[in-house]
Protein backbone atom coordinates (compact mmCIF):
# COMPACT_ATOMS: atom_id res chain seq x y z
CA MET A 1 -69.15 21.23 73.43
CA ALA A 2 -70.51 24.49 71.97
CA GLN A 3 -73.16 24.59 74.70
CA LEU A 4 -70.49 24.32 77.40
CA TYR A 5 -68.56 27.18 75.81
CA GLU A 6 -71.68 29.37 75.67
CA HIS A 7 -72.41 28.84 79.37
CA THR A 8 -68.84 29.37 80.55
CA ARG A 9 -68.46 32.60 82.52
CA MET A 10 -64.73 32.41 83.30
CA PHE A 11 -61.81 30.75 81.58
CA ARG A 12 -58.70 29.90 83.59
CA THR A 13 -55.39 29.03 82.04
CA TYR A 14 -52.05 27.93 83.38
CA CYS A 15 -48.73 28.74 81.77
CA ALA A 16 -45.64 27.27 83.39
CA ASN A 17 -43.36 29.68 81.52
CA VAL A 18 -45.07 32.95 82.59
CA VAL A 19 -44.45 34.64 85.95
CA PRO A 20 -47.74 35.51 87.71
CA GLY A 21 -48.62 39.21 87.35
CA VAL A 22 -48.14 40.12 91.01
CA LEU A 23 -44.54 38.82 90.85
CA GLN A 24 -43.63 40.40 87.51
CA THR A 25 -40.94 43.03 87.33
CA HIS A 26 -41.14 45.92 84.87
CA ALA A 27 -38.67 44.11 82.57
CA CYS A 28 -40.59 40.82 82.72
CA ALA A 29 -43.96 42.45 82.00
CA SER A 30 -42.39 44.47 79.15
CA ALA A 31 -40.89 41.38 77.54
CA LEU A 32 -44.13 39.41 77.84
CA LEU A 33 -46.37 42.16 76.46
CA ARG A 34 -43.89 43.02 73.69
CA SER A 35 -43.83 39.38 72.52
CA ILE A 36 -47.64 39.30 72.50
CA ARG A 37 -47.75 42.60 70.58
CA GLU A 38 -45.26 41.33 67.99
CA PHE A 39 -47.11 38.03 67.57
CA HIS A 40 -50.44 39.76 66.98
CA GLU A 41 -48.87 42.65 65.04
CA THR A 42 -50.79 45.26 67.04
CA PRO A 43 -49.82 48.92 67.62
CA ASP A 44 -46.97 49.46 70.06
CA ASP A 45 -48.57 50.55 73.33
CA VAL A 46 -46.40 48.28 75.46
CA SER A 47 -45.06 50.96 77.82
CA GLY A 48 -48.57 52.14 78.74
CA ALA A 49 -49.80 48.56 79.03
CA VAL A 50 -46.93 47.65 81.37
CA GLU A 51 -47.64 50.60 83.64
CA ALA A 52 -51.34 49.72 83.73
CA ARG A 53 -50.60 46.04 84.40
CA LEU A 54 -48.15 46.73 87.23
CA SER A 55 -50.48 49.34 88.75
CA THR A 56 -53.37 46.86 88.69
CA GLU A 57 -51.25 44.09 90.22
CA ARG A 58 -50.00 46.40 92.99
CA THR A 59 -53.61 47.30 93.82
CA ARG A 60 -54.62 43.62 93.93
CA ALA A 61 -51.72 42.82 96.24
CA LEU A 62 -52.87 45.31 98.89
């Protein structure tokens, strides 16, 4: 199993309770990133992260 992990180049996950990034609103992305920040007890940079996430998703959608 460790050998498989070492050779893996991309991990894909599916979460039925998370809206895909391209469909996320500002409020949805804020709530998701805030819950992740609180869980991991990291510094609060949610507003900047939301703007970056939505900007990236808008670019991908074009």
